Amino acid sequence: MHERLAREELPPDTVALARFLIGRTLTHETAEGRTSGRIVETEAYVVGDQGSHAFIGQTRRNRSMFLGLGHAYVYLIYGVWRCINVASEAEGVGAAVLIRALEPLEGQAIMARRRGGGRPQDLAKGPGRLCQALAIDLSCDGADLCGPGPLWLGHGPRPAGRIGESVRIGLTKDADRVLRFYEQGSPFVSGPARLRV
């Protein structure tokens, strides 16, 4: 079992947090059992970022981005997929780190059942698959990922390997900013091959 991360261990800066989270774990405990994965890919959505949901200010949808360091911001994309982010700045400041991909650690059979099968390296590759595999839904929005609840961030089973950087995936605004981080050589990282080297 991975020990939970204390809030004081999280760097209070969005880009630093996006790098820090590589190699750490995300765990969700549900009635079906515990599922967890090692974080291998993140994207930073910084203050003043036109690609960020917080750019327009606080709304009912994005309010969890403003809850403060270590809280979950979960939203629906394309009306189907959920995405989980970690709020990354002080309370009242809208910024977050998107968790894009996991290396499955615990509960792979549960993840595969939720995903309808698939190879281990594909179970949590991409933010939508990740949330489906870990049963993260809109009820998790606002959860304290450093608290005692069922959804939490933890220390990793081993240090992160070399961390690569690239532009973020699927953006049209501020799309040229190098704010995506991933563990180089990991088969669990999402995105096109040119963004995984």
Protein backbone atom coordinates (compact mmCIF):
# COMPACT_ATOMS: atom_id res chain seq x y z
CA MET A 1 0.00 0.00 0.00
CA HIS A 2 1.20 3.47 -0.85
CA GLU A 3 1.32 6.06 1.91
CA ARG A 4 -0.87 9.10 1.43
CA LEU A 5 0.76 12.35 0.44
CA ALA A 6 0.43 15.17 2.95
CA ARG A 7 -0.56 18.55 1.54
CA GLU A 8 2.71 20.02 2.81
CA GLU A 9 4.57 17.67 0.45
CA LEU A 10 2.89 19.14 -2.64
CA PRO A 11 4.76 22.04 -4.25
CA PRO A 12 2.42 25.08 -4.27
CA ASP A 13 3.15 25.89 -7.91
CA THR A 14 1.29 24.45 -10.89
CA VAL A 15 4.25 23.54 -13.11
CA ALA A 16 6.26 22.19 -10.20
CA LEU A 17 3.28 20.08 -9.10
CA ALA A 18 2.80 18.69 -12.62
CA ARG A 19 6.39 17.42 -12.56
CA PHE A 20 6.21 16.30 -8.92
CA LEU A 21 3.17 14.08 -9.54
CA ILE A 22 5.01 11.92 -12.10
CA GLY A 23 5.80 8.67 -10.28
CA ARG A 24 3.27 9.31 -7.47
CA THR A 25 0.04 7.33 -7.17
CA LEU A 26 -3.70 7.91 -7.42
CA THR A 27 -5.93 5.50 -5.49
CA HIS A 28 -9.71 5.08 -5.35
CA GLU A 29 -11.36 2.79 -2.81
CA THR A 30 -14.89 1.72 -3.75
CA ALA A 31 -17.32 -1.07 -2.89
CA GLU A 32 -15.82 -3.07 -5.79
CA GLY A 33 -12.36 -2.84 -4.29
CA ARG A 34 -9.25 -0.71 -4.40
CA THR A 35 -7.82 0.48 -7.71
CA SER A 36 -4.64 2.48 -8.00
CA GLY A 37 -2.11 3.57 -10.54
CA ARG A 38 1.25 5.26 -10.81
CA ILE A 39 0.98 8.67 -12.50
CA VAL A 40 3.03 8.77 -15.71
CA GLU A 41 1.61 11.82 -17.53
CA THR A 42 0.29 15.24 -16.48
CA GLU A 43 -0.55 18.65 -17.96
CA ALA A 44 -0.28 21.99 -16.16
CA TYR A 45 -3.03 24.62 -16.50
CA VAL A 46 -1.44 27.71 -14.99
CA VAL A 47 -2.80 31.07 -13.84
CA GLY A 48 -3.64 33.28 -16.84
CA ASP A 49 -3.63 30.30 -19.22
CA GLN A 50 -6.13 30.69 -22.08
CA GLY A 51 -6.34 26.90 -22.31
CA SER A 52 -7.53 26.65 -18.70
CA HIS A 53 -11.14 26.45 -17.54
CA ALA A 54 -10.24 29.07 -14.90
CA PHE A 55 -9.34 31.70 -17.49
CA ILE A 56 -12.90 33.07 -17.53
CA GLY A 57 -13.02 33.25 -13.72
CA GLN A 58 -14.82 31.09 -11.20
CA THR A 59 -18.05 29.38 -12.30
CA ARG A 60 -20.23 26.61 -10.92
CA ARG A 61 -18.46 24.11 -13.19
CA ASN A 62 -14.86 25.06 -12.35
CA ARG A 63 -15.26 26.06 -8.69
CA SER A 64 -13.13 23.13 -7.51
CA MET A 65 -10.10 24.58 -9.31
CA PHE A 66 -10.25 27.39 -6.73
CA LEU A 67 -10.51 25.18 -3.60
CA GLY A 68 -6.77 25.15 -3.00
CA LEU A 69 -3.82 22.82 -3.34
CA GLY A 70 -4.61 19.11 -3.38
CA HIS A 71 -8.34 19.14 -4.16
CA ALA A 72 -9.88 17.25 -7.07
CA TYR A 73 -11.43 19.06 -10.00
CA VAL A 74 -13.48 16.54 -12.01
CA TYR A 75 -15.39 17.58 -15.11
CA LEU A 76 -17.18 16.06 -18.07
CA ILE A 77 -15.75 16.38 -21.58
CA TYR A 78 -17.74 15.77 -24.79
CA GLY A 79 -20.66 14.87 -22.52
CA VAL A 80 -19.19 11.40 -21.97
CA TRP A 81 -15.70 11.28 -20.45
CA ARG A 82 -14.61 12.48 -17.04
CA CYS A 83 -11.24 14.10 -16.40
CA ILE A 84 -9.52 14.47 -13.02
CA ASN A 85 -7.31 17.39 -12.11
CA VAL A 86 -5.47 18.39 -8.94
CA ALA A 87 -5.99 22.01 -7.85
CA SER A 88 -2.51 23.46 -7.70
CA GLU A 89 -2.42 26.90 -6.12
CA ALA A 90 -3.65 28.70 -2.99
CA GLU A 91 -7.37 28.79 -2.18
CA GLY A 92 -9.12 31.31 -4.42
CA VAL A 93 -6.60 30.96 -7.26
CA GLY A 94 -7.80 28.93 -10.25
CA ALA A 95 -5.17 26.53 -11.59
CA ALA A 96 -4.83 22.76 -11.81
CA VAL A 97 -2.85 19.78 -13.05
CA LEU A 98 -4.65 17.30 -15.33
CA ILE A 99 -3.73 13.67 -14.68
CA ARG A 100 -3.55 12.19 -18.17
CA ALA A 101 -2.35 8.61 -17.69
CA LEU A 102 -1.61 5.93 -15.08
CA GLU A 103 0.39 2.73 -14.92
CA PRO A 104 -2.08 0.32 -13.23
CA LEU A 105 -0.87 -1.02 -9.87
CA GLU A 106 -3.79 -2.42 -7.85
CA GLY A 107 -7.13 -3.80 -9.01
CA GLN A 108 -6.26 -4.41 -12.65
CA ALA A 109 -9.07 -6.96 -12.99
CA ILE A 110 -11.56 -4.38 -11.69
CA MET A 111 -10.20 -1.77 -14.08
CA ALA A 112 -10.45 -4.17 -17.02
CA ARG A 113 -14.05 -5.01 -16.14
CA ARG A 114 -14.97 -1.32 -15.98
CA ARG A 115 -13.20 -0.68 -19.27
CA GLY A 116 -14.67 -3.72 -21.03
CA GLY A 117 -11.30 -5.43 -21.31
CA GLY A 118 -8.12 -4.32 -22.99
CA ARG A 119 -4.38 -4.56 -22.55
CA PRO A 120 -2.94 -3.44 -19.19
CA GLN A 121 -1.08 -0.56 -20.84
CA ASP A 122 -4.34 0.77 -22.30
CA LEU A 123 -6.56 0.61 -19.20
CA ALA A 124 -5.72 4.11 -17.92
CA LYS A 125 -4.02 5.68 -20.95
CA GLY A 126 -5.70 9.04 -21.42
CA PRO A 127 -7.82 11.04 -18.95
CA GLY A 128 -11.17 9.51 -19.94
CA ARG A 129 -10.01 5.91 -19.72
CA LEU A 130 -8.24 6.69 -16.43
CA CYS A 131 -11.42 7.95 -14.80
CA GLN A 132 -13.46 5.05 -16.12
CA ALA A 133 -10.89 2.51 -14.88
CA LEU A 134 -10.81 4.06 -11.39
CA ALA A 135 -14.58 4.81 -11.27
CA ILE A 136 -13.96 8.53 -10.86
CA ASP A 137 -17.15 10.45 -11.58
CA LEU A 138 -18.61 13.89 -10.89
CA SER A 139 -19.35 12.91 -7.28
CA CYS A 140 -15.55 13.05 -6.76
CA ASP A 141 -15.41 16.72 -7.76
CA GLY A 142 -14.05 18.78 -4.86
CA ALA A 143 -12.64 15.77 -2.97
CA ASP A 144 -9.61 16.45 -0.78
CA LEU A 145 -6.92 14.22 -2.32
CA CYS A 146 -4.73 14.73 0.76
CA GLY A 147 -7.52 13.90 3.21
CA PRO A 148 -8.86 10.66 4.69
CA GLY A 149 -11.40 10.01 1.92
CA PRO A 150 -11.57 7.15 -0.59
CA LEU A 151 -9.83 9.06 -3.43
CA TRP A 152 -6.27 10.10 -2.66
CA LEU A 153 -2.75 10.82 -3.83
CA GLY A 154 0.09 8.68 -2.53
CA HIS A 155 3.81 8.12 -2.68
CA GLY A 156 5.00 6.00 -5.57
CA PRO A 157 6.42 2.48 -5.45
CA ARG A 158 9.56 3.74 -7.23
CA PRO A 159 10.98 7.10 -8.30
CA ALA A 160 10.04 8.61 -11.64
CA GLY A 161 12.31 7.94 -14.57
CA ARG A 162 13.49 10.66 -16.89
CA ILE A 163 10.72 13.21 -17.40
CA GLY A 164 9.93 14.43 -20.90
CA GLU A 165 8.17 17.69 -21.79
CA SER A 166 5.92 18.70 -24.68
CA VAL A 167 3.02 20.88 -25.70
CA ARG A 168 -0.35 19.84 -24.31
CA ILE A 169 -2.72 17.60 -26.25
CA GLY A 170 -5.93 18.72 -27.96
CA LEU A 171 -5.78 22.46 -27.20
CA THR A 172 -6.47 25.36 -29.55
CA LYS A 173 -5.66 28.23 -27.14
CA ASP A 174 -2.15 28.65 -25.70
CA ALA A 175 -1.44 25.41 -27.54
CA ASP A 176 2.28 26.11 -28.01
CA ARG A 177 3.13 26.20 -24.31
CA VAL A 178 5.32 23.34 -23.07
CA LEU A 179 3.24 22.29 -20.07
CA ARG A 180 2.86 18.52 -20.52
CA PHE A 181 5.11 16.16 -18.56
CA TYR A 182 5.52 12.41 -18.88
CA GLU A 183 7.79 9.55 -17.93
CA GLN A 184 9.93 8.82 -20.95
CA GLY A 185 9.83 5.24 -22.19
CA SER A 186 6.64 4.35 -20.31
CA PRO A 187 4.21 2.28 -22.42
CA PHE A 188 1.35 3.71 -20.34
CA VAL A 189 1.75 7.31 -21.60
CA SER A 190 -0.97 8.60 -23.96
CA GLY A 191 -0.78 10.78 -27.04
CA PRO A 192 0.83 10.47 -30.48
CA ALA A 193 4.25 8.84 -30.79
CA ARG A 194 5.96 12.15 -31.53
CA LEU A 195 4.90 13.41 -28.08
CA ARG A 196 6.11 10.32 -26.22
CA VAL A 197 9.83 10.28 -27.03
